[in-house]
Amino acid sequence: MVLDLEFVRTWWWMTRIAAPSYDSVCSALSLTCRAPSVHNCQPWRWLLAERSLQLFLDVSRLPEELDPVGRAQVISCGAALHHARVAFAALGWRALVHRLPNPAQPGHLASIQFSPRDQVSPEMVALAGLAGQRHTARFSFRAETVPQELLTTLRAASETEHGVLVRAAEHRSLLVDALRRAAQYRETPEYQKAIADLDDPEPTAPVLTDEAELAVLATRGDRVDSWLAVGEALSAVLLAAAREGLVTCPLNQLGEVAEERERVRAAVLGGGGNPQLVLRLGWRASDEPLPTTPRRVLADSMELLPPRR
């Protein structure tokens, strides 16, 4: 669908009530294009309504073979939602989010309305800048431990978004083994064919043999609302890590294999909570620029809802 930008801009200004301008919406949503997503599928769809912004899951972005229950895609949308919240805050708007607003429509993930902020937080402006610059680092990290105080900061960021970040130092070998076992699922002919058909798949598999810190990002539940929440927590942790100078790499192999997820749940989480993904955290080993993963243009993921009559 090709948007008539002049018509949309006029319509948005005529119908908005306590809402950002159309240009501000585009600016904020452009930042969500940089959110991390499984296999770089970017499975979000934004609908501009008269007085709100709606987030939907676009299931056409990833074949069922790569994400049978939609877990990873919803997590990806959660990361985009948090990026949007940060972007609007940096522009002076509070995003009032109603998550899963329509139980009869599970792909409708969030409805957002707006209220103006009294002042713009410099922290949110800084986070928005980091969101536009952040990259996933799949190379080897420096052999340097991440200090506990930094991990505490990241844990607090995850808890703000109802996630649980658990350092896996004592169970590193088991966690690496679980990731490798889970990755074997990706070697099946069906999986490989589906990967080959993607427009802009992820680059090569990340390193697992270095000294990167490994942490499990978990939730208390394991349904769509939990997947959306862990995506928001993932975004919060990645931006907090970037603010501290850390590089990161989310690993979602566990989400594809229930048996390995259960192993990690028992060993790392002590039987409580649900592991959703693993984070590699650490320090860059070189100053070589990180590759930029291609992203869709905003017009490909944004549509206009006609006004009510």
C-alpha atoms as a PDB file:
ATOM      1  CA  MET A   1       0.000   0.000   0.000  1.00  0.00           C
ATOM      2  CA  VAL A   2       1.421   3.401  -1.029  1.00  0.00           C
ATOM      3  CA  LEU A   3       0.592   6.200   1.382  1.00  0.00           C
ATOM      4  CA  ASP A   4      -0.473   9.617   0.089  1.00  0.00           C
ATOM      5  CA  LEU A   5       1.669  11.518   2.581  1.00  0.00           C
ATOM      6  CA  GLU A   6       0.024  14.906   2.032  1.00  0.00           C
ATOM      7  CA  PHE A   7      -3.448  13.440   2.586  1.00  0.00           C
ATOM      8  CA  VAL A   8      -2.313  11.591   5.702  1.00  0.00           C
ATOM      9  CA  ARG A   9      -0.643  14.683   7.136  1.00  0.00           C
ATOM     10  CA  THR A  10      -3.799  16.755   6.601  1.00  0.00           C
ATOM     11  CA  TRP A  11      -6.056  14.042   8.015  1.00  0.00           C
ATOM     12  CA  TRP A  12      -3.876  13.577  11.088  1.00  0.00           C
ATOM     13  CA  TRP A  13      -3.850  17.283  11.921  1.00  0.00           C
ATOM     14  CA  MET A  14      -7.628  17.596  11.485  1.00  0.00           C
ATOM     15  CA  THR A  15      -8.515  14.630  13.687  1.00  0.00           C
ATOM     16  CA  ARG A  16      -5.864  14.559  16.387  1.00  0.00           C
ATOM     17  CA  ILE A  17      -6.714  15.473  19.971  1.00  0.00           C
ATOM     18  CA  ALA A  18      -3.783  15.691  22.395  1.00  0.00           C
ATOM     19  CA  ALA A  19      -1.623  13.801  19.957  1.00  0.00           C
ATOM     20  CA  PRO A  20       1.730  14.420  18.297  1.00  0.00           C
ATOM     21  CA  SER A  21       1.875  15.797  14.778  1.00  0.00           C
ATOM     22  CA  TYR A  22       2.007  13.454  11.839  1.00  0.00           C
ATOM     23  CA  ASP A  23       5.664  14.340  11.265  1.00  0.00           C
ATOM     24  CA  SER A  24       6.429  13.524  14.911  1.00  0.00           C
ATOM     25  CA  VAL A  25       4.681  10.182  14.591  1.00  0.00           C
ATOM     26  CA  CYS A  26       6.745   9.372  11.505  1.00  0.00           C
ATOM     27  CA  SER A  27       9.916  10.451  13.297  1.00  0.00           C
ATOM     28  CA  ALA A  28       9.138   8.234  16.292  1.00  0.00           C
ATOM     29  CA  LEU A  29       8.093   5.231  14.237  1.00  0.00           C
ATOM     30  CA  SER A  30      11.179   5.542  12.050  1.00  0.00           C
ATOM     31  CA  LEU A  31      13.173   4.736  15.170  1.00  0.00           C
ATOM     32  CA  THR A  32      11.160   1.536  15.703  1.00  0.00           C
ATOM     33  CA  CYS A  33      12.540   0.291  12.383  1.00  0.00           C
ATOM     34  CA  ARG A  34      15.848  -0.106  14.238  1.00  0.00           C
ATOM     35  CA  ALA A  35      14.389  -2.427  16.880  1.00  0.00           C
ATOM     36  CA  PRO A  36      15.870  -5.947  16.958  1.00  0.00           C
ATOM     37  CA  SER A  37      13.753  -8.705  15.426  1.00  0.00           C
ATOM     38  CA  VAL A  38      14.142 -12.441  14.910  1.00  0.00           C
ATOM     39  CA  HIS A  39      15.804 -13.142  11.558  1.00  0.00           C
ATOM     40  CA  ASN A  40      15.461  -9.396  10.886  1.00  0.00           C
ATOM     41  CA  CYS A  41      11.835 -10.033   9.905  1.00  0.00           C
ATOM     42  CA  GLN A  42      10.489  -6.761  11.456  1.00  0.00           C
ATOM     43  CA  PRO A  43       6.998  -8.240  11.993  1.00  0.00           C
ATOM     44  CA  TRP A  44       5.246  -5.096  13.224  1.00  0.00           C
ATOM     45  CA  ARG A  45       2.461  -3.159  11.539  1.00  0.00           C
ATOM     46  CA  TRP A  46       1.463   0.317  12.708  1.00  0.00           C
ATOM     47  CA  LEU A  47      -2.034   1.659  12.036  1.00  0.00           C
ATOM     48  CA  LEU A  48      -2.754   5.352  12.522  1.00  0.00           C
ATOM     49  CA  ALA A  49      -6.276   5.846  13.829  1.00  0.00           C
ATOM     50  CA  GLU A  50      -8.144   9.085  14.523  1.00  0.00           C
ATOM     51  CA  ARG A  51      -6.949   9.471  18.101  1.00  0.00           C
ATOM     52  CA  SER A  52      -4.517   6.616  18.599  1.00  0.00           C
ATOM     53  CA  LEU A  53      -1.763   4.468  17.184  1.00  0.00           C
ATOM     54  CA  GLN A  54      -2.311   0.714  16.893  1.00  0.00           C
ATOM     55  CA  LEU A  55       0.342  -2.019  16.862  1.00  0.00           C
ATOM     56  CA  PHE A  56      -0.413  -5.278  15.071  1.00  0.00           C
ATOM     57  CA  LEU A  57       1.587  -8.429  14.459  1.00  0.00           C
ATOM     58  CA  ASP A  58       2.234  -8.966  10.753  1.00  0.00           C
ATOM     59  CA  VAL A  59       2.415 -12.760  10.492  1.00  0.00           C
ATOM     60  CA  SER A  60       3.258 -12.557   6.798  1.00  0.00           C
ATOM     61  CA  ARG A  61       6.777 -11.414   7.667  1.00  0.00           C
ATOM     62  CA  LEU A  62       8.063 -14.823   8.816  1.00  0.00           C
ATOM     63  CA  PRO A  63       7.259 -18.363   7.633  1.00  0.00           C
ATOM     64  CA  GLU A  64       5.631 -20.658  10.172  1.00  0.00           C
ATOM     65  CA  GLU A  65       8.633 -23.020   9.989  1.00  0.00           C
ATOM     66  CA  LEU A  66      10.794 -20.361  11.647  1.00  0.00           C
ATOM     67  CA  ASP A  67       8.431 -19.437  14.476  1.00  0.00           C
ATOM     68  CA  PRO A  68       5.496 -21.889  14.748  1.00  0.00           C
ATOM     69  CA  VAL A  69       3.689 -20.270  17.704  1.00  0.00           C
ATOM     70  CA  GLY A  70       4.703 -16.670  17.007  1.00  0.00           C
ATOM     71  CA  ARG A  71       6.757 -16.291  20.193  1.00  0.00           C
ATOM     72  CA  ALA A  72       9.788 -14.662  18.579  1.00  0.00           C
ATOM     73  CA  GLN A  73       7.689 -12.376  16.395  1.00  0.00           C
ATOM     74  CA  VAL A  74       5.690 -11.051  19.356  1.00  0.00           C
ATOM     75  CA  ILE A  75       8.947 -10.510  21.263  1.00  0.00           C
ATOM     76  CA  SER A  76      10.205  -8.537  18.274  1.00  0.00           C
ATOM     77  CA  CYS A  77       7.046  -6.406  18.314  1.00  0.00           C
ATOM     78  CA  GLY A  78       7.547  -5.796  22.021  1.00  0.00           C
ATOM     79  CA  ALA A  79      11.013  -4.426  21.294  1.00  0.00           C
ATOM     80  CA  ALA A  80       9.530  -2.130  18.637  1.00  0.00           C
ATOM     81  CA  LEU A  81       6.864  -0.981  21.104  1.00  0.00           C
ATOM     82  CA  HIS A  82       9.482  -0.007  23.677  1.00  0.00           C
ATOM     83  CA  HIS A  83      11.524   1.781  20.999  1.00  0.00           C
ATOM     84  CA  ALA A  84       8.348   3.718  20.111  1.00  0.00           C
ATOM     85  CA  ARG A  85       7.711   4.666  23.735  1.00  0.00           C
ATOM     86  CA  VAL A  86      11.282   5.957  24.062  1.00  0.00           C
ATOM     87  CA  ALA A  87      11.036   7.875  20.776  1.00  0.00           C
ATOM     88  CA  PHE A  88       7.748   9.573  21.702  1.00  0.00           C
ATOM     89  CA  ALA A  89       9.094  10.449  25.151  1.00  0.00           C
ATOM     90  CA  ALA A  90      12.120  12.084  23.524  1.00  0.00           C
ATOM     91  CA  LEU A  91       9.691  14.176  21.457  1.00  0.00           C
ATOM     92  CA  GLY A  92       7.754  15.293  24.528  1.00  0.00           C
ATOM     93  CA  TRP A  93       4.896  12.767  24.514  1.00  0.00           C
ATOM     94  CA  ARG A  94       3.850  10.140  27.012  1.00  0.00           C
ATOM     95  CA  ALA A  95       2.635   6.980  25.277  1.00  0.00           C
ATOM     96  CA  LEU A  96      -0.333   5.518  27.165  1.00  0.00           C
ATOM     97  CA  VAL A  97      -0.253   1.867  26.151  1.00  0.00           C
ATOM     98  CA  HIS A  98      -3.145  -0.578  26.387  1.00  0.00           C
ATOM     99  CA  ARG A  99      -1.622  -4.000  25.679  1.00  0.00           C
ATOM    100  CA  LEU A 100      -3.628  -6.763  23.983  1.00  0.00           C
ATOM    101  CA  PRO A 101      -6.724  -4.539  23.805  1.00  0.00           C
ATOM    102  CA  ASN A 102      -8.895  -7.033  21.922  1.00  0.00           C
ATOM    103  CA  PRO A 103      -8.856 -10.656  23.198  1.00  0.00           C
ATOM    104  CA  ALA A 104     -10.734 -11.763  20.089  1.00  0.00           C
ATOM    105  CA  GLN A 105      -7.934 -10.411  17.920  1.00  0.00           C
ATOM    106  CA  PRO A 106      -4.639 -11.825  19.278  1.00  0.00           C
ATOM    107  CA  GLY A 107      -2.589 -10.085  16.598  1.00  0.00           C
ATOM    108  CA  HIS A 108      -3.677  -6.687  17.927  1.00  0.00           C
ATOM    109  CA  LEU A 109      -0.822  -6.194  20.371  1.00  0.00           C
ATOM    110  CA  ALA A 110      -1.227  -2.637  21.610  1.00  0.00           C
ATOM    111  CA  SER A 111      -3.286   0.531  21.389  1.00  0.00           C
ATOM    112  CA  ILE A 112      -1.443   3.776  22.141  1.00  0.00           C
ATOM    113  CA  GLN A 113      -2.872   7.149  23.077  1.00  0.00           C
ATOM    114  CA  PHE A 114      -0.881  10.212  24.008  1.00  0.00           C
ATOM    115  CA  SER A 115      -0.600  12.964  26.547  1.00  0.00           C
ATOM    116  CA  PRO A 116       1.933  15.808  26.484  1.00  0.00           C
ATOM    117  CA  ARG A 117       4.820  15.719  28.939  1.00  0.00           C
ATOM    118  CA  ASP A 118       5.569  18.791  31.041  1.00  0.00           C
ATOM    119  CA  GLN A 119       9.206  18.527  30.053  1.00  0.00           C
ATOM    120  CA  VAL A 120      11.435  16.322  27.926  1.00  0.00           C
ATOM    121  CA  SER A 121      13.765  14.029  29.833  1.00  0.00           C
ATOM    122  CA  PRO A 122      17.419  14.276  28.706  1.00  0.00           C
ATOM    123  CA  GLU A 123      17.723  10.566  29.517  1.00  0.00           C
ATOM    124  CA  MET A 124      14.978   9.715  27.019  1.00  0.00           C
ATOM    125  CA  VAL A 125      16.612  11.885  24.362  1.00  0.00           C
ATOM    126  CA  ALA A 126      19.874  10.034  24.978  1.00  0.00           C
ATOM    127  CA  LEU A 127      18.168   6.631  24.818  1.00  0.00           C
ATOM    128  CA  ALA A 128      16.458   7.557  21.562  1.00  0.00           C
ATOM    129  CA  GLY A 129      19.849   8.441  20.132  1.00  0.00           C
ATOM    130  CA  LEU A 130      21.255   5.107  21.259  1.00  0.00           C
ATOM    131  CA  ALA A 131      18.305   3.269  19.720  1.00  0.00           C
ATOM    132  CA  GLY A 132      19.211   4.743  16.356  1.00  0.00           C
ATOM    133  CA  GLN A 133      22.880   3.740  16.685  1.00  0.00           C
ATOM    134  CA  ARG A 134      22.701   0.342  18.398  1.00  0.00           C
ATOM    135  CA  HIS A 135      23.863  -2.771  16.532  1.00  0.00           C
ATOM    136  CA  THR A 136      23.801  -6.481  17.324  1.00  0.00           C
ATOM    137  CA  ALA A 137      27.378  -7.693  17.842  1.00  0.00           C
ATOM    138  CA  ARG A 138      27.913 -11.260  16.608  1.00  0.00           C
ATOM    139  CA  PHE A 139      31.720 -11.219  16.811  1.00  0.00           C
ATOM    140  CA  SER A 140      34.006 -12.215  19.699  1.00  0.00           C
ATOM    141  CA  PHE A 141      34.012  -9.984  22.775  1.00  0.00           C
ATOM    142  CA  ARG A 142      36.952  -8.984  24.957  1.00  0.00           C
ATOM    143  CA  ALA A 143      37.902 -11.402  27.729  1.00  0.00           C
ATOM    144  CA  GLU A 144      36.790  -8.986  30.436  1.00  0.00           C
ATOM    145  CA  THR A 145      34.101  -9.621  33.023  1.00  0.00           C
ATOM    146  CA  VAL A 146      31.106  -7.304  33.133  1.00  0.00           C
ATOM    147  CA  PRO A 147      31.053  -5.728  36.627  1.00  0.00           C
ATOM    148  CA  GLN A 148      28.242  -6.739  38.919  1.00  0.00           C
ATOM    149  CA  GLU A 149      27.062  -3.137  39.283  1.00  0.00           C
ATOM    150  CA  LEU A 150      26.476  -2.924  35.530  1.00  0.00           C
ATOM    151  CA  LEU A 151      24.549  -6.179  35.565  1.00  0.00           C
ATOM    152  CA  THR A 152      22.469  -4.794  38.422  1.00  0.00           C
ATOM    153  CA  THR A 153      21.669  -1.753  36.262  1.00  0.00           C
ATOM    154  CA  LEU A 154      20.588  -4.002  33.386  1.00  0.00           C
ATOM    155  CA  ARG A 155      18.532  -6.155  35.721  1.00  0.00           C
ATOM    156  CA  ALA A 156      16.714  -3.065  36.971  1.00  0.00           C
ATOM    157  CA  ALA A 157      15.989  -2.034  33.363  1.00  0.00           C
ATOM    158  CA  SER A 158      14.436  -5.439  32.656  1.00  0.00           C
ATOM    159  CA  GLU A 159      12.346  -5.371  35.823  1.00  0.00           C
ATOM    160  CA  THR A 160      10.917  -1.985  34.859  1.00  0.00           C
ATOM    161  CA  GLU A 161       9.359  -3.778  31.870  1.00  0.00           C
ATOM    162  CA  HIS A 162       8.310  -6.887  33.857  1.00  0.00           C
ATOM    163  CA  GLY A 163      11.227  -8.987  32.683  1.00  0.00           C
ATOM    164  CA  VAL A 164      13.728 -10.958  34.773  1.00  0.00           C
ATOM    165  CA  LEU A 165      17.420 -10.890  33.823  1.00  0.00           C
ATOM    166  CA  VAL A 166      19.471 -13.701  35.388  1.00  0.00           C
ATOM    167  CA  ARG A 167      23.247 -13.926  35.141  1.00  0.00           C
ATOM    168  CA  ALA A 168      24.251 -17.441  34.081  1.00  0.00           C
ATOM    169  CA  ALA A 169      27.910 -17.503  35.146  1.00  0.00           C
ATOM    170  CA  GLU A 170      27.583 -20.670  37.252  1.00  0.00           C
ATOM    171  CA  HIS A 171      25.720 -22.472  34.495  1.00  0.00           C
ATOM    172  CA  ARG A 172      27.606 -21.141  31.483  1.00  0.00           C
ATOM    173  CA  SER A 173      28.594 -24.530  30.040  1.00  0.00           C
ATOM    174  CA  LEU A 174      25.051 -25.871  30.359  1.00  0.00           C
ATOM    175  CA  LEU A 175      23.605 -22.741  28.762  1.00  0.00           C
ATOM    176  CA  VAL A 176      26.039 -22.868  25.820  1.00  0.00           C
ATOM    177  CA  ASP A 177      25.244 -26.544  25.363  1.00  0.00           C
ATOM    178  CA  ALA A 178      21.504 -25.800  25.409  1.00  0.00           C
ATOM    179  CA  LEU A 179      21.959 -23.065  22.807  1.00  0.00           C
ATOM    180  CA  ARG A 180      23.957 -25.385  20.562  1.00  0.00           C
ATOM    181  CA  ARG A 181      21.441 -28.187  20.907  1.00  0.00           C
ATOM    182  CA  ALA A 182      18.596 -25.804  20.151  1.00  0.00           C
ATOM    183  CA  ALA A 183      20.490 -24.470  17.138  1.00  0.00           C
ATOM    184  CA  GLN A 184      20.485 -27.963  15.616  1.00  0.00           C
ATOM    185  CA  TYR A 185      16.792 -27.437  14.900  1.00  0.00           C
ATOM    186  CA  ARG A 186      17.879 -24.695  12.510  1.00  0.00           C
ATOM    187  CA  GLU A 187      19.841 -27.194  10.425  1.00  0.00           C
ATOM    188  CA  THR A 188      16.751 -29.019   9.182  1.00  0.00           C
ATOM    189  CA  PRO A 189      16.060 -28.702   5.428  1.00  0.00           C
ATOM    190  CA  GLU A 190      12.698 -27.031   6.095  1.00  0.00           C
ATOM    191  CA  TYR A 191      14.258 -24.391   8.330  1.00  0.00           C
ATOM    192  CA  GLN A 192      17.129 -23.706   5.945  1.00  0.00           C
ATOM    193  CA  LYS A 193      14.787 -23.347   2.983  1.00  0.00           C
ATOM    194  CA  ALA A 194      12.625 -20.870   4.891  1.00  0.00           C
ATOM    195  CA  ILE A 195      15.732 -18.867   5.845  1.00  0.00           C
ATOM    196  CA  ALA A 196      16.904 -18.781   2.234  1.00  0.00           C
ATOM    197  CA  ASP A 197      13.567 -17.300   1.168  1.00  0.00           C
ATOM    198  CA  LEU A 198      13.815 -14.303   3.513  1.00  0.00           C
ATOM    199  CA  ASP A 199      14.473 -10.871   2.030  1.00  0.00           C
ATOM    200  CA  ASP A 200      17.172  -9.674   4.446  1.00  0.00           C
ATOM    201  CA  PRO A 201      18.118 -12.546   6.779  1.00  0.00           C
ATOM    202  CA  GLU A 202      20.450 -12.106   9.728  1.00  0.00           C
ATOM    203  CA  PRO A 203      24.200 -12.342   9.095  1.00  0.00           C
ATOM    204  CA  THR A 204      26.256 -15.326  10.217  1.00  0.00           C
ATOM    205  CA  ALA A 205      25.596 -17.060  13.529  1.00  0.00           C
ATOM    206  CA  PRO A 206      27.036 -15.327  16.612  1.00  0.00           C
ATOM    207  CA  VAL A 207      30.152 -16.529  18.396  1.00  0.00           C
ATOM    208  CA  LEU A 208      29.612 -18.762  21.444  1.00  0.00           C
ATOM    209  CA  THR A 209      33.230 -19.628  22.229  1.00  0.00           C
ATOM    210  CA  ASP A 210      34.409 -16.300  23.642  1.00  0.00           C
ATOM    211  CA  GLU A 211      34.248 -14.863  27.158  1.00  0.00           C
ATOM    212  CA  ALA A 212      31.057 -12.873  26.687  1.00  0.00           C
ATOM    213  CA  GLU A 213      28.767 -12.619  29.690  1.00  0.00           C
ATOM    214  CA  LEU A 214      25.629 -14.725  29.235  1.00  0.00           C
ATOM    215  CA  ALA A 215      22.342 -13.835  30.878  1.00  0.00           C
ATOM    216  CA  VAL A 216      18.864 -15.299  30.547  1.00  0.00           C
ATOM    217  CA  LEU A 217      15.939 -12.956  30.006  1.00  0.00           C
ATOM    218  CA  ALA A 218      12.841 -14.576  31.470  1.00  0.00           C
ATOM    219  CA  THR A 219       9.210 -13.889  32.315  1.00  0.00           C
ATOM    220  CA  ARG A 220       6.888 -15.208  34.974  1.00  0.00           C
ATOM    221  CA  GLY A 221       4.282 -16.276  32.425  1.00  0.00           C
ATOM    222  CA  ASP A 222       4.574 -17.798  28.974  1.00  0.00           C
ATOM    223  CA  ARG A 223       1.727 -16.439  26.886  1.00  0.00           C
ATOM    224  CA  VAL A 224       1.382 -13.628  24.373  1.00  0.00           C
ATOM    225  CA  ASP A 225       1.334 -10.935  27.060  1.00  0.00           C
ATOM    226  CA  SER A 226       4.585 -12.320  28.491  1.00  0.00           C
ATOM    227  CA  TRP A 227       6.220 -12.443  25.059  1.00  0.00           C
ATOM    228  CA  LEU A 228       5.259  -8.822  24.411  1.00  0.00           C
ATOM    229  CA  ALA A 229       6.597  -7.816  27.830  1.00  0.00           C
ATOM    230  CA  VAL A 230       9.921  -9.592  27.349  1.00  0.00           C
ATOM    231  CA  GLY A 231      10.336  -7.781  24.040  1.00  0.00           C
ATOM    232  CA  GLU A 232       9.913  -4.470  25.832  1.00  0.00           C
ATOM    233  CA  ALA A 233      12.340  -5.662  28.511  1.00  0.00           C
ATOM    234  CA  LEU A 234      14.816  -6.711  25.818  1.00  0.00           C
ATOM    235  CA  SER A 235      14.742  -3.238  24.284  1.00  0.00           C
ATOM    236  CA  ALA A 236      15.177  -1.623  27.702  1.00  0.00           C
ATOM    237  CA  VAL A 237      18.182  -3.834  28.510  1.00  0.00           C
ATOM    238  CA  LEU A 238      19.830  -3.300  25.120  1.00  0.00           C
ATOM    239  CA  LEU A 239      19.533   0.480  25.394  1.00  0.00           C
ATOM    240  CA  ALA A 240      20.746   0.475  29.007  1.00  0.00           C
ATOM    241  CA  ALA A 241      23.715  -1.676  27.958  1.00  0.00           C
ATOM    242  CA  ALA A 242      24.539   0.679  25.073  1.00  0.00           C
ATOM    243  CA  ARG A 243      24.416   3.613  27.485  1.00  0.00           C
ATOM    244  CA  GLU A 244      27.061   1.856  29.598  1.00  0.00           C
ATOM    245  CA  GLY A 245      29.294   1.157  26.592  1.00  0.00           C
ATOM    246  CA  LEU A 246      28.483  -2.548  26.384  1.00  0.00           C
ATOM    247  CA  VAL A 247      27.828  -4.454  23.178  1.00  0.00           C
ATOM    248  CA  THR A 248      25.073  -7.045  23.040  1.00  0.00           C
ATOM    249  CA  CYS A 249      23.672  -9.903  21.008  1.00  0.00           C
ATOM    250  CA  PRO A 250      20.229 -11.451  21.681  1.00  0.00           C
ATOM    251  CA  LEU A 251      19.982 -15.198  21.045  1.00  0.00           C
ATOM    252  CA  ASN A 252      16.513 -16.658  20.561  1.00  0.00           C
ATOM    253  CA  GLN A 253      17.344 -20.318  19.848  1.00  0.00           C
ATOM    254  CA  LEU A 254      15.814 -21.448  23.158  1.00  0.00           C
ATOM    255  CA  GLY A 255      12.413 -20.165  22.106  1.00  0.00           C
ATOM    256  CA  GLU A 256      12.341 -22.717  19.296  1.00  0.00           C
ATOM    257  CA  VAL A 257      13.009 -25.883  21.302  1.00  0.00           C
ATOM    258  CA  ALA A 258      10.863 -26.594  24.377  1.00  0.00           C
ATOM    259  CA  GLU A 259      13.160 -29.306  25.733  1.00  0.00           C
ATOM    260  CA  GLU A 260      16.180 -26.981  25.905  1.00  0.00           C
ATOM    261  CA  ARG A 261      14.044 -24.202  27.329  1.00  0.00           C
ATOM    262  CA  GLU A 262      13.017 -26.545  30.132  1.00  0.00           C
ATOM    263  CA  ARG A 263      16.659 -27.491  30.818  1.00  0.00           C
ATOM    264  CA  VAL A 264      17.559 -23.833  31.256  1.00  0.00           C
ATOM    265  CA  ARG A 265      14.451 -23.191  33.324  1.00  0.00           C
ATOM    266  CA  ALA A 266      15.430 -25.952  35.770  1.00  0.00           C
ATOM    267  CA  ALA A 267      19.162 -25.213  35.970  1.00  0.00           C
ATOM    268  CA  VAL A 268      19.490 -21.439  35.615  1.00  0.00           C
ATOM    269  CA  LEU A 269      16.121 -20.264  36.943  1.00  0.00           C
ATOM    270  CA  GLY A 270      15.744 -22.932  39.618  1.00  0.00           C
ATOM    271  CA  GLY A 271      12.424 -24.080  38.171  1.00  0.00           C
ATOM    272  CA  GLY A 272      10.803 -20.641  38.455  1.00  0.00           C
ATOM    273  CA  GLY A 273       9.975 -18.412  35.517  1.00  0.00           C
ATOM    274  CA  ASN A 274      10.169 -19.013  31.790  1.00  0.00           C
ATOM    275  CA  PRO A 275      13.384 -18.401  29.825  1.00  0.00           C
ATOM    276  CA  GLN A 276      12.588 -16.531  26.619  1.00  0.00           C
ATOM    277  CA  LEU A 277      16.008 -15.683  25.209  1.00  0.00           C
ATOM    278  CA  VAL A 278      19.688 -15.361  26.065  1.00  0.00           C
ATOM    279  CA  LEU A 279      21.794 -12.208  25.924  1.00  0.00           C
ATOM    280  CA  ARG A 280      25.515 -12.030  25.159  1.00  0.00           C
ATOM    281  CA  LEU A 281      26.978  -9.011  26.945  1.00  0.00           C
ATOM    282  CA  GLY A 282      30.478  -7.632  26.932  1.00  0.00           C
ATOM    283  CA  TRP A 283      33.029  -5.274  25.518  1.00  0.00           C
ATOM    284  CA  ARG A 284      34.147  -4.754  21.943  1.00  0.00           C
ATOM    285  CA  ALA A 285      37.436  -6.429  21.076  1.00  0.00           C
ATOM    286  CA  SER A 286      38.196  -3.953  18.264  1.00  0.00           C
ATOM    287  CA  ASP A 287      37.096  -0.577  16.914  1.00  0.00           C
ATOM    288  CA  GLU A 288      36.060  -2.045  13.584  1.00  0.00           C
ATOM    289  CA  PRO A 289      32.624  -0.665  12.587  1.00  0.00           C
ATOM    290  CA  LEU A 290      29.682  -2.972  13.158  1.00  0.00           C
ATOM    291  CA  PRO A 291      27.724  -3.965  10.051  1.00  0.00           C
ATOM    292  CA  THR A 292      24.317  -2.324   9.667  1.00  0.00           C
ATOM    293  CA  THR A 293      21.481  -4.762   9.060  1.00  0.00           C
ATOM    294  CA  PRO A 294      19.053  -3.600   6.323  1.00  0.00           C
ATOM    295  CA  ARG A 295      15.657  -2.372   7.530  1.00  0.00           C
ATOM    296  CA  ARG A 296      12.315  -1.789   5.847  1.00  0.00           C
ATOM    297  CA  VAL A 297      11.300   1.777   5.162  1.00  0.00           C
ATOM    298  CA  LEU A 298       8.581   3.077   7.456  1.00  0.00           C
ATOM    299  CA  ALA A 299       5.945   3.261   4.705  1.00  0.00           C
ATOM    300  CA  ASP A 300       6.110  -0.549   4.406  1.00  0.00           C
ATOM    301  CA  SER A 301       4.966  -1.044   7.997  1.00  0.00           C
ATOM    302  CA  MET A 302       2.558   1.876   8.514  1.00  0.00           C
ATOM    303  CA  GLU A 303      -1.031   2.196   7.327  1.00  0.00           C
ATOM    304  CA  LEU A 304      -3.875   4.682   7.749  1.00  0.00           C
ATOM    305  CA  LEU A 305      -7.169   3.691   9.332  1.00  0.00           C
ATOM    306  CA  PRO A 306     -10.093   5.583   7.772  1.00  0.00           C
ATOM    307  CA  PRO A 307     -11.904   7.951  10.192  1.00  0.00           C
ATOM    308  CA  ARG A 308     -15.119   6.772  11.818  1.00  0.00           C
ATOM    309  CA  ARG A 309     -18.370   7.992  10.305  1.00  0.00           C
END
